[in-house]
Structures are given as C-alpha cells and as structure tokens.
Amino acid sequence: MPSTPPPDNSGHRARLRQRLFAGGPDALHDHELVEYLLALAIPRRDTKPLAKALLKEFGGIAGLLTADAERIAAFPGMGETSAAAIKTAHAAALRLTQASIKEQPVLANWQALLDYLRADMAHQLIERVRVLHLNSRNMLIRDELMSEGSIDEAALYVREVIRRAIDLGSAAIILVHNHPSGDPAPSRADIDLTRRVQEAGKKLGIALHDHIIIGQEGHASLRAMGLI
C-alpha cells in the first residue's frame, strides 16, 4: 500500500514569510513565529500544532525560548535539531540586547540592562548568580556566572566575588540573581549578602552599584529599595 505523502505547507509558510517581511515582528502571533522557526528545522511537517503545544507547556514564548535545551528536546515531537532552532533564536535575542548594553555606560542604559537580564534569567528553573563587572566609566567589561544552585538556592562567596573583581580591574560591580519562584522580593539572606559584598568592596575601592533580583513577576533593585 503506497504511503501518504507529507502535506505541502509551502504556501502557508510563504504567506507567513511575506507577512513577516511586510509587517515586521508584530505581524505574526507568537505561535506563528514558533511555527515558522520549527518549519526551518522540520520542513516536511505541519509545525503549527507543535508550536501551540510548546507555548502551552512552557507558558508562552519567553518561557519557551529561555527553557533548557534538554527540556525542549525531550518534548514530544521535538528533538535536538528542533531544540537547537529554538535556542538559536534565544541566543540571537540575547546578543541583540547585550550589544546595546555594551555601547554605552550601564548606568545610562538601565532599562536595556533590565530587558537583557529578564530575557536571560526570568524563566530559569534554578537559581543563578551573576556579577557584572564595570570599569571606571561604568562600561561593562565582563558578565560572569558565579554560581549555579539547586531549584531554590545558590551559594555566592564574598571573597570570590571581590577576588575576581581585583583580577579584572573592576571599578564597580552589579550583583544579579534570579528567583525561580517568580517573586523578586529580596530575602533576608539576599540583603545580608549584599551588604557584606558592599563592605568588602569598599575597603578596596570597588563600588557595589546594585543587586538586582529577577523573577517572572518583575525585578527588584536593592538600591532603589534603599537597602544598600
């Protein structure tokens, strides 16, 4: 018995492509963006149902793009090639936002920094701690992952943070970490750690500009809250 040929979706995909070219990113719905992205990795398949299922599973396009590659690849109908297409889009988005941060002093481009951090960390399922190192002109010289913890905690050692700042010749630093719970409100431990880093840095002429906590519900700035 002859096998059924795969559906020809070329016309539908051409229409999506034309809408994207004519109207820009807002011309397509989230599921259509994911659908077309997956079509590049799975060209002989109708990817619309898969795109909708992925968005439902991961809570939207932000949750999908920022999810771990292994989790995406394990979703029914996906695989490493399809997951790589999703993560490539995520990497490109981060490069775009990161580029704007590097072009001018961080403190003069605060919203761009928050957009970058939210895109990278808001939907992470484990807690990560990063340190942004700035030079004397407040230009970003290094963005480093310092610690990666369990689902609810990550260790950060003050001595390691300050030693790394000395090694890089940092004039100032910004601490950043995420709350997988979604609530960015600082804990008592967050506040205590921030003040210990601030005191240690002050002795060596290294300023702590802020400690930013990222969550799905928004962000918290300990400096804006008057906690440092």
N, C-alpha and C. Protein backbone atom coordinates (compact mmCIF):
# COMPACT_ATOMS: atom_id res chain seq x y z
N MET A 1 0.86 -1.19 0.00
CA MET A 1 0.00 0.00 0.00
C MET A 1 0.89 1.24 0.00
N PRO A 2 0.70 2.16 -0.94
CA PRO A 2 1.57 3.34 -1.01
C PRO A 2 1.40 4.23 0.21
N SER A 3 2.51 4.81 0.66
CA SER A 3 2.46 5.70 1.82
C SER A 3 1.88 7.04 1.43
N THR A 4 1.25 7.70 2.41
CA THR A 4 0.66 9.01 2.16
C THR A 4 1.74 10.07 2.15
N PRO A 5 1.84 10.86 1.10
CA PRO A 5 2.88 11.89 1.06
C PRO A 5 2.64 12.94 2.13
N PRO A 6 3.71 13.54 2.65
CA PRO A 6 3.55 14.57 3.68
C PRO A 6 2.82 15.77 3.11
N PRO A 7 2.09 16.50 3.95
CA PRO A 7 1.35 17.66 3.47
C PRO A 7 2.28 18.73 2.93
N ASP A 8 1.82 19.42 1.90
CA ASP A 8 2.60 20.51 1.32
C ASP A 8 2.20 21.80 2.02
N ASN A 9 3.08 22.31 2.90
CA ASN A 9 2.79 23.52 3.67
C ASN A 9 3.49 24.74 3.10
N SER A 10 4.04 24.59 1.89
CA SER A 10 4.85 25.67 1.35
C SER A 10 4.06 26.96 1.15
N GLY A 11 2.80 26.83 0.73
CA GLY A 11 2.00 28.03 0.51
C GLY A 11 1.73 28.78 1.79
N HIS A 12 1.37 28.04 2.83
CA HIS A 12 1.10 28.66 4.14
C HIS A 12 2.37 29.32 4.68
N ARG A 13 3.49 28.65 4.58
CA ARG A 13 4.74 29.22 5.09
C ARG A 13 5.18 30.43 4.28
N ALA A 14 4.90 30.40 2.99
CA ALA A 14 5.22 31.58 2.17
C ALA A 14 4.41 32.78 2.61
N ARG A 15 3.15 32.56 2.97
CA ARG A 15 2.29 33.66 3.44
C ARG A 15 2.80 34.21 4.78
N LEU A 16 3.23 33.30 5.67
CA LEU A 16 3.80 33.75 6.94
C LEU A 16 5.05 34.59 6.68
N ARG A 17 5.88 34.11 5.78
CA ARG A 17 7.12 34.82 5.47
C ARG A 17 6.83 36.21 4.90
N GLN A 18 5.86 36.29 4.03
CA GLN A 18 5.51 37.58 3.42
C GLN A 18 4.96 38.54 4.46
N ARG A 19 4.12 38.03 5.36
CA ARG A 19 3.61 38.90 6.44
C ARG A 19 4.74 39.40 7.33
N LEU A 20 5.69 38.53 7.64
CA LEU A 20 6.82 38.91 8.48
C LEU A 20 7.65 39.98 7.80
N PHE A 21 7.95 39.79 6.53
CA PHE A 21 8.76 40.77 5.80
C PHE A 21 8.04 42.11 5.67
N ALA A 22 6.72 42.06 5.44
CA ALA A 22 5.97 43.29 5.21
C ALA A 22 5.65 44.04 6.50
N GLY A 23 5.36 43.28 7.57
CA GLY A 23 4.90 43.93 8.79
C GLY A 23 5.84 43.89 9.97
N GLY A 24 6.97 43.20 9.84
CA GLY A 24 7.91 43.12 10.95
C GLY A 24 7.47 42.12 12.00
N PRO A 25 8.14 42.09 13.14
CA PRO A 25 7.89 41.06 14.16
C PRO A 25 6.47 41.06 14.71
N ASP A 26 5.80 42.20 14.73
CA ASP A 26 4.44 42.25 15.28
C ASP A 26 3.39 41.70 14.31
N ALA A 27 3.81 41.38 13.09
CA ALA A 27 2.85 40.90 12.09
C ALA A 27 2.43 39.46 12.33
N LEU A 28 3.23 38.72 13.10
CA LEU A 28 2.92 37.32 13.38
C LEU A 28 2.61 37.12 14.85
N HIS A 29 1.66 36.23 15.13
CA HIS A 29 1.38 35.84 16.51
C HIS A 29 2.54 35.00 17.03
N ASP A 30 2.58 34.83 18.36
CA ASP A 30 3.67 34.05 18.95
C ASP A 30 3.73 32.64 18.38
N HIS A 31 2.57 32.00 18.25
CA HIS A 31 2.60 30.62 17.76
C HIS A 31 3.05 30.56 16.30
N GLU A 32 2.79 31.64 15.54
CA GLU A 32 3.23 31.66 14.15
C GLU A 32 4.74 31.84 14.04
N LEU A 33 5.32 32.65 14.94
CA LEU A 33 6.77 32.79 14.97
C LEU A 33 7.44 31.45 15.27
N VAL A 34 6.91 30.76 16.29
CA VAL A 34 7.49 29.46 16.66
C VAL A 34 7.24 28.45 15.55
N GLU A 35 6.06 28.49 14.97
CA GLU A 35 5.71 27.58 13.87
C GLU A 35 6.70 27.71 12.71
N TYR A 36 6.97 28.94 12.31
CA TYR A 36 7.88 29.15 11.18
C TYR A 36 9.31 28.76 11.55
N LEU A 37 9.70 29.07 12.79
CA LEU A 37 11.03 28.70 13.26
C LEU A 37 11.22 27.18 13.21
N LEU A 38 10.22 26.46 13.68
CA LEU A 38 10.29 24.99 13.67
C LEU A 38 10.26 24.45 12.24
N ALA A 39 9.56 25.14 11.35
CA ALA A 39 9.49 24.68 9.96
C ALA A 39 10.86 24.66 9.30
N LEU A 40 11.76 25.53 9.76
CA LEU A 40 13.11 25.54 9.21
C LEU A 40 13.87 24.29 9.63
N ALA A 41 13.52 23.74 10.82
CA ALA A 41 14.18 22.53 11.31
C ALA A 41 13.44 21.27 10.90
N ILE A 42 12.11 21.37 10.71
CA ILE A 42 11.29 20.21 10.33
C ILE A 42 10.49 20.60 9.08
N PRO A 43 11.13 20.69 7.93
CA PRO A 43 10.48 21.27 6.75
C PRO A 43 9.32 20.46 6.19
N ARG A 44 9.26 19.16 6.45
CA ARG A 44 8.22 18.33 5.83
C ARG A 44 7.08 18.01 6.80
N ARG A 45 6.85 18.90 7.74
CA ARG A 45 5.83 18.64 8.74
C ARG A 45 5.04 19.90 9.03
N ASP A 46 3.76 19.72 9.36
CA ASP A 46 2.93 20.85 9.81
C ASP A 46 3.32 21.15 11.24
N THR A 47 3.96 22.28 11.46
CA THR A 47 4.50 22.58 12.79
C THR A 47 3.59 23.46 13.63
N LYS A 48 2.43 23.84 13.10
CA LYS A 48 1.54 24.70 13.89
C LYS A 48 1.07 24.02 15.18
N PRO A 49 0.56 22.77 15.14
CA PRO A 49 0.13 22.13 16.40
C PRO A 49 1.26 22.00 17.41
N LEU A 50 2.45 21.69 16.93
CA LEU A 50 3.59 21.57 17.83
C LEU A 50 3.94 22.91 18.46
N ALA A 51 3.90 23.97 17.66
CA ALA A 51 4.20 25.31 18.19
C ALA A 51 3.22 25.70 19.28
N LYS A 52 1.94 25.45 19.07
CA LYS A 52 0.93 25.78 20.08
C LYS A 52 1.12 24.94 21.34
N ALA A 53 1.46 23.66 21.17
CA ALA A 53 1.66 22.79 22.32
C ALA A 53 2.87 23.24 23.14
N LEU A 54 3.92 23.66 22.46
CA LEU A 54 5.12 24.13 23.16
C LEU A 54 4.83 25.39 23.97
N LEU A 55 4.12 26.33 23.37
CA LEU A 55 3.80 27.57 24.08
C LEU A 55 2.93 27.30 25.31
N LYS A 56 2.02 26.35 25.19
CA LYS A 56 1.19 25.99 26.33
C LYS A 56 2.02 25.34 27.43
N GLU A 57 2.91 24.45 27.03
CA GLU A 57 3.73 23.72 28.01
C GLU A 57 4.69 24.64 28.76
N PHE A 58 5.28 25.59 28.04
CA PHE A 58 6.32 26.43 28.64
C PHE A 58 5.81 27.81 29.07
N GLY A 59 4.51 28.03 28.98
CA GLY A 59 3.93 29.26 29.50
C GLY A 59 4.16 30.48 28.64
N GLY A 60 4.30 30.30 27.33
CA GLY A 60 4.47 31.45 26.45
C GLY A 60 5.82 31.43 25.77
N ILE A 61 6.03 32.41 24.90
CA ILE A 61 7.24 32.41 24.09
C ILE A 61 8.49 32.70 24.91
N ALA A 62 8.37 33.54 25.95
CA ALA A 62 9.54 33.82 26.78
C ALA A 62 9.98 32.57 27.54
N GLY A 63 9.01 31.86 28.10
CA GLY A 63 9.34 30.63 28.81
C GLY A 63 9.93 29.58 27.90
N LEU A 64 9.45 29.51 26.67
CA LEU A 64 9.97 28.54 25.71
C LEU A 64 11.41 28.87 25.31
N LEU A 65 11.66 30.11 24.94
CA LEU A 65 13.00 30.49 24.48
C LEU A 65 14.05 30.31 25.56
N THR A 66 13.68 30.57 26.82
CA THR A 66 14.66 30.53 27.90
C THR A 66 14.76 29.17 28.58
N ALA A 67 13.93 28.22 28.19
CA ALA A 67 13.97 26.89 28.80
C ALA A 67 15.27 26.18 28.44
N ASP A 68 15.66 25.22 29.27
CA ASP A 68 16.85 24.43 28.99
C ASP A 68 16.67 23.63 27.71
N ALA A 69 17.74 23.50 26.94
CA ALA A 69 17.68 22.79 25.66
C ALA A 69 17.23 21.34 25.85
N GLU A 70 17.69 20.71 26.93
CA GLU A 70 17.33 19.31 27.15
C GLU A 70 15.83 19.14 27.37
N ARG A 71 15.25 20.09 28.08
CA ARG A 71 13.82 20.00 28.34
C ARG A 71 13.02 20.22 27.06
N ILE A 72 13.47 21.15 26.23
CA ILE A 72 12.79 21.39 24.95
C ILE A 72 12.90 20.17 24.05
N ALA A 73 14.11 19.61 23.97
CA ALA A 73 14.34 18.47 23.09
C ALA A 73 13.53 17.26 23.51
N ALA A 74 13.25 17.14 24.81
CA ALA A 74 12.51 15.99 25.32
C ALA A 74 11.01 16.08 25.09
N PHE A 75 10.52 17.26 24.68
CA PHE A 75 9.09 17.43 24.48
C PHE A 75 8.66 16.58 23.28
N PRO A 76 7.51 15.90 23.37
CA PRO A 76 7.05 15.05 22.25
C PRO A 76 6.99 15.81 20.92
N GLY A 77 7.61 15.22 19.90
CA GLY A 77 7.63 15.84 18.59
C GLY A 77 8.86 16.70 18.34
N MET A 78 9.63 16.95 19.40
CA MET A 78 10.84 17.76 19.25
C MET A 78 12.05 16.83 19.12
N GLY A 79 13.21 17.33 19.41
CA GLY A 79 14.47 16.62 19.28
C GLY A 79 15.58 17.65 19.32
N GLU A 80 16.81 17.20 19.18
CA GLU A 80 17.94 18.11 19.31
C GLU A 80 17.95 19.19 18.21
N THR A 81 17.63 18.81 16.99
CA THR A 81 17.65 19.79 15.90
C THR A 81 16.61 20.88 16.11
N SER A 82 15.40 20.48 16.47
CA SER A 82 14.34 21.46 16.71
C SER A 82 14.64 22.32 17.93
N ALA A 83 15.18 21.69 18.99
CA ALA A 83 15.54 22.44 20.19
C ALA A 83 16.64 23.45 19.86
N ALA A 84 17.57 23.06 18.99
CA ALA A 84 18.65 23.97 18.60
C ALA A 84 18.10 25.20 17.88
N ALA A 85 17.04 25.00 17.08
CA ALA A 85 16.42 26.15 16.40
C ALA A 85 15.85 27.14 17.41
N ILE A 86 15.19 26.62 18.45
CA ILE A 86 14.63 27.48 19.50
C ILE A 86 15.74 28.21 20.24
N LYS A 87 16.78 27.49 20.64
CA LYS A 87 17.86 28.10 21.41
C LYS A 87 18.69 29.07 20.57
N THR A 88 18.74 28.85 19.26
CA THR A 88 19.43 29.81 18.39
C THR A 88 18.69 31.15 18.38
N ALA A 89 17.36 31.08 18.34
CA ALA A 89 16.55 32.31 18.38
C ALA A 89 16.77 33.04 19.71
N HIS A 90 16.84 32.26 20.80
CA HIS A 90 17.08 32.85 22.11
C HIS A 90 18.45 33.52 22.16
N ALA A 91 19.46 32.82 21.66
CA ALA A 91 20.82 33.38 21.67
C ALA A 91 20.90 34.66 20.85
N ALA A 92 20.22 34.68 19.71
CA ALA A 92 20.23 35.88 18.87
C ALA A 92 19.57 37.06 19.58
N ALA A 93 18.46 36.78 20.28
CA ALA A 93 17.77 37.85 21.01
C ALA A 93 18.66 38.41 22.12
N LEU A 94 19.37 37.52 22.81
CA LEU A 94 20.26 37.98 23.88
C LEU A 94 21.43 38.78 23.32
N ARG A 95 21.98 38.35 22.19
CA ARG A 95 23.08 39.10 21.57
C ARG A 95 22.63 40.51 21.20
N LEU A 96 21.40 40.62 20.72
CA LEU A 96 20.87 41.92 20.33
C LEU A 96 20.76 42.86 21.52
N THR A 97 20.19 42.36 22.62
CA THR A 97 20.03 43.21 23.80
C THR A 97 21.37 43.46 24.48
N GLN A 98 22.25 42.47 24.45
CA GLN A 98 23.57 42.64 25.06
C GLN A 98 24.39 43.69 24.33
N ALA A 99 24.25 43.74 23.01
CA ALA A 99 25.01 44.71 22.22
C ALA A 99 24.70 46.14 22.63
N SER A 100 23.42 46.41 22.91
CA SER A 100 23.04 47.78 23.29
C SER A 100 23.61 48.16 24.65
N ILE A 101 23.81 47.16 25.51
CA ILE A 101 24.38 47.42 26.84
C ILE A 101 25.84 47.81 26.73
N LYS A 102 26.56 47.17 25.83
CA LYS A 102 28.00 47.39 25.71
C LYS A 102 28.35 48.71 25.04
N GLU A 103 27.38 49.33 24.41
CA GLU A 103 27.66 50.52 23.61
C GLU A 103 27.76 51.80 24.44
N GLN A 104 27.24 51.79 25.66
CA GLN A 104 27.28 52.99 26.49
C GLN A 104 27.30 52.59 27.95
N PRO A 105 27.63 53.54 28.84
CA PRO A 105 27.69 53.20 30.27
C PRO A 105 26.41 52.53 30.76
N VAL A 106 26.58 51.51 31.58
CA VAL A 106 25.44 50.72 32.05
C VAL A 106 24.42 51.58 32.80
N LEU A 107 24.92 52.48 33.64
CA LEU A 107 24.01 53.29 34.45
C LEU A 107 23.20 54.26 33.60
N ALA A 108 23.66 54.54 32.38
CA ALA A 108 22.91 55.41 31.48
C ALA A 108 21.97 54.63 30.58
N ASN A 109 22.00 53.32 30.69
CA ASN A 109 21.19 52.48 29.83
C ASN A 109 20.54 51.38 30.67
N TRP A 110 19.96 51.81 31.80
CA TRP A 110 19.48 50.87 32.81
C TRP A 110 18.34 49.99 32.30
N GLN A 111 17.42 50.55 31.53
CA GLN A 111 16.29 49.77 31.04
C GLN A 111 16.76 48.67 30.11
N ALA A 112 17.74 48.97 29.27
CA ALA A 112 18.27 47.94 28.37
C ALA A 112 18.90 46.80 29.17
N LEU A 113 19.57 47.14 30.27
CA LEU A 113 20.15 46.11 31.13
C LEU A 113 19.06 45.23 31.73
N LEU A 114 18.00 45.84 32.23
CA LEU A 114 16.91 45.06 32.83
C LEU A 114 16.25 44.17 31.77
N ASP A 115 16.07 44.69 30.56
CA ASP A 115 15.47 43.88 29.49
C ASP A 115 16.33 42.67 29.20
N TYR A 116 17.64 42.87 29.15
CA TYR A 116 18.57 41.77 28.89
C TYR A 116 18.52 40.72 29.99
N LEU A 117 18.54 41.17 31.23
CA LEU A 117 18.53 40.24 32.36
C LEU A 117 17.22 39.46 32.44
N ARG A 118 16.11 40.14 32.19
CA ARG A 118 14.82 39.44 32.22
C ARG A 118 14.74 38.39 31.12
N ALA A 119 15.23 38.75 29.93
CA ALA A 119 15.20 37.81 28.81
C ALA A 119 16.04 36.57 29.09
N ASP A 120 17.09 36.75 29.85
CA ASP A 120 18.02 35.65 30.10
C ASP A 120 17.67 34.84 31.33
N MET A 121 17.09 35.47 32.37
CA MET A 121 17.00 34.81 33.67
C MET A 121 15.60 34.63 34.24
N ALA A 122 14.63 35.36 33.76
CA ALA A 122 13.33 35.40 34.44
C ALA A 122 12.65 34.04 34.52
N HIS A 123 12.88 33.18 33.52
CA HIS A 123 12.17 31.90 33.47
C HIS A 123 13.05 30.72 33.82
N GLN A 124 14.24 30.98 34.35
CA GLN A 124 15.12 29.88 34.73
C GLN A 124 14.54 29.11 35.92
N LEU A 125 14.70 27.80 35.90
CA LEU A 125 14.14 26.96 36.96
C LEU A 125 15.12 26.71 38.09
N ILE A 126 16.37 27.09 37.92
CA ILE A 126 17.33 27.01 39.01
C ILE A 126 17.91 28.40 39.25
N GLU A 127 18.41 28.60 40.45
CA GLU A 127 18.92 29.92 40.81
C GLU A 127 20.34 30.09 40.30
N ARG A 128 20.57 31.21 39.64
CA ARG A 128 21.90 31.54 39.13
C ARG A 128 22.31 32.92 39.65
N VAL A 129 23.58 33.05 39.96
CA VAL A 129 24.11 34.33 40.44
C VAL A 129 25.16 34.81 39.45
N ARG A 130 25.01 36.04 39.01
CA ARG A 130 25.95 36.63 38.07
C ARG A 130 26.51 37.92 38.65
N VAL A 131 27.70 38.26 38.20
CA VAL A 131 28.33 39.52 38.60
C VAL A 131 28.69 40.27 37.33
N LEU A 132 28.20 41.50 37.23
CA LEU A 132 28.55 42.38 36.12
C LEU A 132 29.70 43.26 36.57
N HIS A 133 30.79 43.22 35.83
CA HIS A 133 31.99 44.00 36.18
C HIS A 133 32.06 45.23 35.28
N LEU A 134 32.28 46.39 35.90
CA LEU A 134 32.31 47.67 35.18
C LEU A 134 33.66 48.34 35.37
N ASN A 135 34.06 49.11 34.35
CA ASN A 135 35.30 49.88 34.51
C ASN A 135 35.00 51.24 35.12
N SER A 136 35.97 52.10 35.14
CA SER A 136 35.80 53.40 35.80
C SER A 136 34.81 54.30 35.07
N ARG A 137 34.49 53.98 33.82
CA ARG A 137 33.47 54.75 33.06
C ARG A 137 32.12 54.06 33.09
N ASN A 138 32.00 53.05 33.95
CA ASN A 138 30.77 52.26 34.08
C ASN A 138 30.39 51.51 32.81
N MET A 139 31.39 51.19 31.99
CA MET A 139 31.18 50.33 30.83
C MET A 139 31.32 48.87 31.26
N LEU A 140 30.49 48.03 30.71
CA LEU A 140 30.53 46.61 31.05
C LEU A 140 31.79 45.98 30.47
N ILE A 141 32.61 45.36 31.34
CA ILE A 141 33.81 44.68 30.87
C ILE A 141 33.70 43.16 30.98
N ARG A 142 32.79 42.68 31.83
CA ARG A 142 32.60 41.24 31.93
C ARG A 142 31.27 40.94 32.62
N ASP A 143 30.59 39.94 32.08
CA ASP A 143 29.33 39.44 32.66
C ASP A 143 29.58 37.97 32.97
N GLU A 144 29.71 37.65 34.24
CA GLU A 144 30.13 36.30 34.62
C GLU A 144 29.10 35.58 35.48
N LEU A 145 28.90 34.31 35.17
CA LEU A 145 28.11 33.44 36.03
C LEU A 145 29.02 32.98 37.16
N MET A 146 28.64 33.33 38.39
CA MET A 146 29.47 32.99 39.55
C MET A 146 29.00 31.75 40.27
N SER A 147 27.72 31.46 40.18
CA SER A 147 27.20 30.33 40.93
C SER A 147 25.92 29.83 40.30
N GLU A 148 25.73 28.53 40.35
CA GLU A 148 24.52 27.91 39.84
C GLU A 148 24.08 26.88 40.87
N GLY A 149 22.89 27.08 41.42
CA GLY A 149 22.49 26.26 42.54
C GLY A 149 21.35 25.32 42.25
N SER A 150 20.72 24.87 43.30
CA SER A 150 19.57 23.99 43.19
C SER A 150 18.38 24.83 42.77
N ILE A 151 17.19 24.25 42.85
CA ILE A 151 16.00 24.98 42.44
C ILE A 151 15.68 26.15 43.36
N ASP A 152 16.25 26.16 44.56
CA ASP A 152 15.88 27.23 45.48
C ASP A 152 17.06 27.94 46.15
N GLU A 153 18.30 27.60 45.77
CA GLU A 153 19.40 28.31 46.40
C GLU A 153 20.66 28.23 45.55
N ALA A 154 21.52 29.22 45.70
CA ALA A 154 22.82 29.22 45.04
C ALA A 154 23.81 29.87 46.00
N ALA A 155 24.99 29.29 46.09
CA ALA A 155 26.00 29.81 47.01
C ALA A 155 26.82 30.89 46.31
N LEU A 156 27.09 31.95 47.01
CA LEU A 156 27.96 33.01 46.49
C LEU A 156 28.89 33.41 47.63
N TYR A 157 30.18 33.35 47.37
CA TYR A 157 31.15 33.65 48.39
C TYR A 157 31.73 35.04 48.15
N VAL A 158 31.63 35.88 49.17
CA VAL A 158 32.07 37.27 49.06
C VAL A 158 33.52 37.34 48.61
N ARG A 159 34.36 36.52 49.20
CA ARG A 159 35.78 36.55 48.88
C ARG A 159 36.03 36.27 47.39
N GLU A 160 35.28 35.34 46.82
CA GLU A 160 35.45 35.02 45.40
C GLU A 160 35.02 36.18 44.51
N VAL A 161 33.93 36.85 44.90
CA VAL A 161 33.45 37.99 44.11
C VAL A 161 34.49 39.10 44.09
N ILE A 162 35.03 39.43 45.25
CA ILE A 162 35.99 40.53 45.34
C ILE A 162 37.31 40.14 44.66
N ARG A 163 37.75 38.90 44.84
CA ARG A 163 38.99 38.47 44.20
C ARG A 163 38.88 38.57 42.67
N ARG A 164 37.72 38.17 42.14
CA ARG A 164 37.53 38.24 40.70
C ARG A 164 37.50 39.69 40.22
N ALA A 165 36.90 40.57 41.00
CA ALA A 165 36.86 42.00 40.64
C ALA A 165 38.27 42.58 40.60
N ILE A 166 39.11 42.16 41.54
CA ILE A 166 40.51 42.61 41.55
C ILE A 166 41.24 42.11 40.32
N ASP A 167 41.03 40.82 40.00
CA ASP A 167 41.69 40.23 38.83
C ASP A 167 41.35 40.97 37.54
N LEU A 168 40.09 41.42 37.43
CA LEU A 168 39.62 42.08 36.21
C LEU A 168 39.86 43.59 36.23
N GLY A 169 40.30 44.11 37.37
CA GLY A 169 40.49 45.55 37.49
C GLY A 169 39.17 46.30 37.51
N SER A 170 38.13 45.70 38.06
CA SER A 170 36.80 46.31 38.07
C SER A 170 36.76 47.50 39.02
N ALA A 171 36.16 48.58 38.56
CA ALA A 171 35.95 49.74 39.43
C ALA A 171 34.64 49.61 40.19
N ALA A 172 33.71 48.85 39.63
CA ALA A 172 32.40 48.67 40.25
C ALA A 172 31.80 47.34 39.78
N ILE A 173 30.84 46.85 40.55
CA ILE A 173 30.17 45.61 40.18
C ILE A 173 28.67 45.75 40.43
N ILE A 174 27.90 44.91 39.76
CA ILE A 174 26.47 44.78 40.00
C ILE A 174 26.18 43.30 40.19
N LEU A 175 25.57 42.95 41.32
CA LEU A 175 25.17 41.58 41.56
C LEU A 175 23.81 41.34 40.92
N VAL A 176 23.62 40.15 40.37
CA VAL A 176 22.34 39.79 39.76
C VAL A 176 22.05 38.34 40.11
N HIS A 177 20.83 38.05 40.52
CA HIS A 177 20.41 36.65 40.60
C HIS A 177 18.91 36.55 40.38
N ASN A 178 18.46 35.34 40.12
CA ASN A 178 17.04 35.13 39.83
C ASN A 178 16.38 34.36 40.95
N HIS A 179 15.08 34.53 41.07
CA HIS A 179 14.26 33.77 42.00
C HIS A 179 13.34 32.86 41.18
N PRO A 180 13.62 31.56 41.13
CA PRO A 180 12.77 30.65 40.36
C PRO A 180 11.31 30.65 40.79
N SER A 181 11.03 31.08 42.02
CA SER A 181 9.65 31.16 42.49
C SER A 181 8.84 32.18 41.71
N GLY A 182 9.54 33.12 41.06
CA GLY A 182 8.87 34.17 40.31
C GLY A 182 8.79 35.48 41.04
N ASP A 183 8.81 35.45 42.37
CA ASP A 183 8.72 36.65 43.19
C ASP A 183 10.11 37.25 43.38
N PRO A 184 10.38 38.46 42.90
CA PRO A 184 11.71 39.03 43.01
C PRO A 184 12.02 39.70 44.35
N ALA A 185 11.10 39.68 45.29
CA ALA A 185 11.33 40.35 46.57
C ALA A 185 12.57 39.76 47.25
N PRO A 186 13.48 40.62 47.75
CA PRO A 186 14.71 40.11 48.37
C PRO A 186 14.43 39.43 49.71
N SER A 187 15.17 38.37 49.97
CA SER A 187 15.09 37.69 51.26
C SER A 187 16.06 38.35 52.23
N ARG A 188 15.97 37.97 53.48
CA ARG A 188 16.92 38.48 54.47
C ARG A 188 18.34 38.09 54.10
N ALA A 189 18.50 36.86 53.59
CA ALA A 189 19.83 36.40 53.17
C ALA A 189 20.36 37.23 52.00
N ASP A 190 19.47 37.61 51.07
CA ASP A 190 19.88 38.44 49.93
C ASP A 190 20.42 39.79 50.43
N ILE A 191 19.72 40.36 51.37
CA ILE A 191 20.12 41.67 51.90
C ILE A 191 21.44 41.58 52.64
N ASP A 192 21.58 40.55 53.46
CA ASP A 192 22.82 40.38 54.24
C ASP A 192 24.02 40.17 53.32
N LEU A 193 23.84 39.33 52.32
CA LEU A 193 24.93 39.08 51.37
C LEU A 193 25.32 40.35 50.65
N THR A 194 24.35 41.11 50.23
CA THR A 194 24.61 42.37 49.51
C THR A 194 25.46 43.31 50.36
N ARG A 195 25.11 43.43 51.61
CA ARG A 195 25.83 44.36 52.48
C ARG A 195 27.25 43.86 52.77
N ARG A 196 27.45 42.55 52.81
CA ARG A 196 28.79 42.01 53.03
C ARG A 196 29.67 42.26 51.81
N VAL A 197 29.11 42.09 50.63
CA VAL A 197 29.86 42.39 49.41
C VAL A 197 30.18 43.87 49.32
N GLN A 198 29.22 44.70 49.67
CA GLN A 198 29.42 46.15 49.63
C GLN A 198 30.56 46.56 50.56
N GLU A 199 30.58 46.03 51.78
CA GLU A 199 31.61 46.39 52.75
C GLU A 199 32.99 45.90 52.31
N ALA A 200 33.04 44.67 51.80
CA ALA A 200 34.32 44.12 51.36
C ALA A 200 34.87 44.91 50.17
N GLY A 201 34.01 45.30 49.26
CA GLY A 201 34.45 46.07 48.11
C GLY A 201 34.90 47.46 48.46
N LYS A 202 34.21 48.06 49.41
CA LYS A 202 34.52 49.43 49.81
C LYS A 202 35.95 49.55 50.31
N LYS A 203 36.44 48.55 51.01
CA LYS A 203 37.80 48.57 51.56
C LYS A 203 38.85 48.58 50.47
N LEU A 204 38.47 48.11 49.27
CA LEU A 204 39.43 48.01 48.17
C LEU A 204 39.09 48.96 47.02
N GLY A 205 38.16 49.87 47.27
CA GLY A 205 37.81 50.85 46.25
C GLY A 205 36.95 50.30 45.13
N ILE A 206 36.23 49.21 45.39
CA ILE A 206 35.34 48.61 44.40
C ILE A 206 33.90 48.89 44.82
N ALA A 207 33.19 49.65 44.03
CA ALA A 207 31.83 50.05 44.38
C ALA A 207 30.83 48.96 44.01
N LEU A 208 29.82 48.79 44.85
CA LEU A 208 28.68 47.93 44.51
C LEU A 208 27.54 48.84 44.09
N HIS A 209 27.23 48.89 42.80
CA HIS A 209 26.19 49.79 42.32
C HIS A 209 24.80 49.29 42.68
N ASP A 210 24.59 47.98 42.63
CA ASP A 210 23.24 47.48 42.89
C ASP A 210 23.27 45.95 43.02
N HIS A 211 22.20 45.43 43.53
CA HIS A 211 21.93 43.99 43.50
C HIS A 211 20.52 43.87 42.92
N ILE A 212 20.44 43.26 41.74
CA ILE A 212 19.17 43.14 41.03
C ILE A 212 18.69 41.70 41.13
N ILE A 213 17.43 41.55 41.51
CA ILE A 213 16.82 40.21 41.58
C ILE A 213 15.77 40.12 40.49
N ILE A 214 15.85 39.07 39.70
CA ILE A 214 14.97 38.88 38.55
C ILE A 214 13.99 37.74 38.83
N GLY A 215 12.72 37.96 38.52
CA GLY A 215 11.71 36.90 38.64
C GLY A 215 10.68 37.06 37.54
N GLN A 216 9.85 36.07 37.34
CA GLN A 216 8.82 36.17 36.31
C GLN A 216 7.85 37.31 36.59
N GLU A 217 7.72 37.70 37.86
CA GLU A 217 6.79 38.77 38.23
C GLU A 217 7.41 40.16 38.13
N GLY A 218 8.68 40.23 37.72
CA GLY A 218 9.32 41.54 37.60
C GLY A 218 10.75 41.49 38.14
N HIS A 219 11.20 42.62 38.65
CA HIS A 219 12.55 42.67 39.20
C HIS A 219 12.55 43.53 40.47
N ALA A 220 13.59 43.36 41.27
CA ALA A 220 13.78 44.19 42.46
C ALA A 220 15.20 44.74 42.45
N SER A 221 15.33 46.01 42.73
CA SER A 221 16.64 46.66 42.87
C SER A 221 16.83 47.01 44.33
N LEU A 222 17.85 46.42 44.96
CA LEU A 222 18.07 46.70 46.37
C LEU A 222 18.45 48.15 46.61
N ARG A 223 19.12 48.77 45.64
CA ARG A 223 19.45 50.19 45.79
C ARG A 223 18.19 51.05 45.71
N ALA A 224 17.31 50.75 44.76
CA ALA A 224 16.07 51.51 44.63
C ALA A 224 15.19 51.34 45.86
N MET A 225 15.32 50.19 46.53
CA MET A 225 14.53 49.93 47.72
C MET A 225 15.17 50.52 48.97
N GLY A 226 16.34 51.16 48.82
CA GLY A 226 17.02 51.77 49.94
C GLY A 226 17.69 50.78 50.87
N LEU A 227 18.00 49.59 50.36
CA LEU A 227 18.59 48.55 51.19
C LEU A 227 20.11 48.52 51.12
N ILE A 228 20.70 49.32 50.23
CA ILE A 228 22.15 49.48 50.19
C ILE A 228 22.45 50.96 49.93
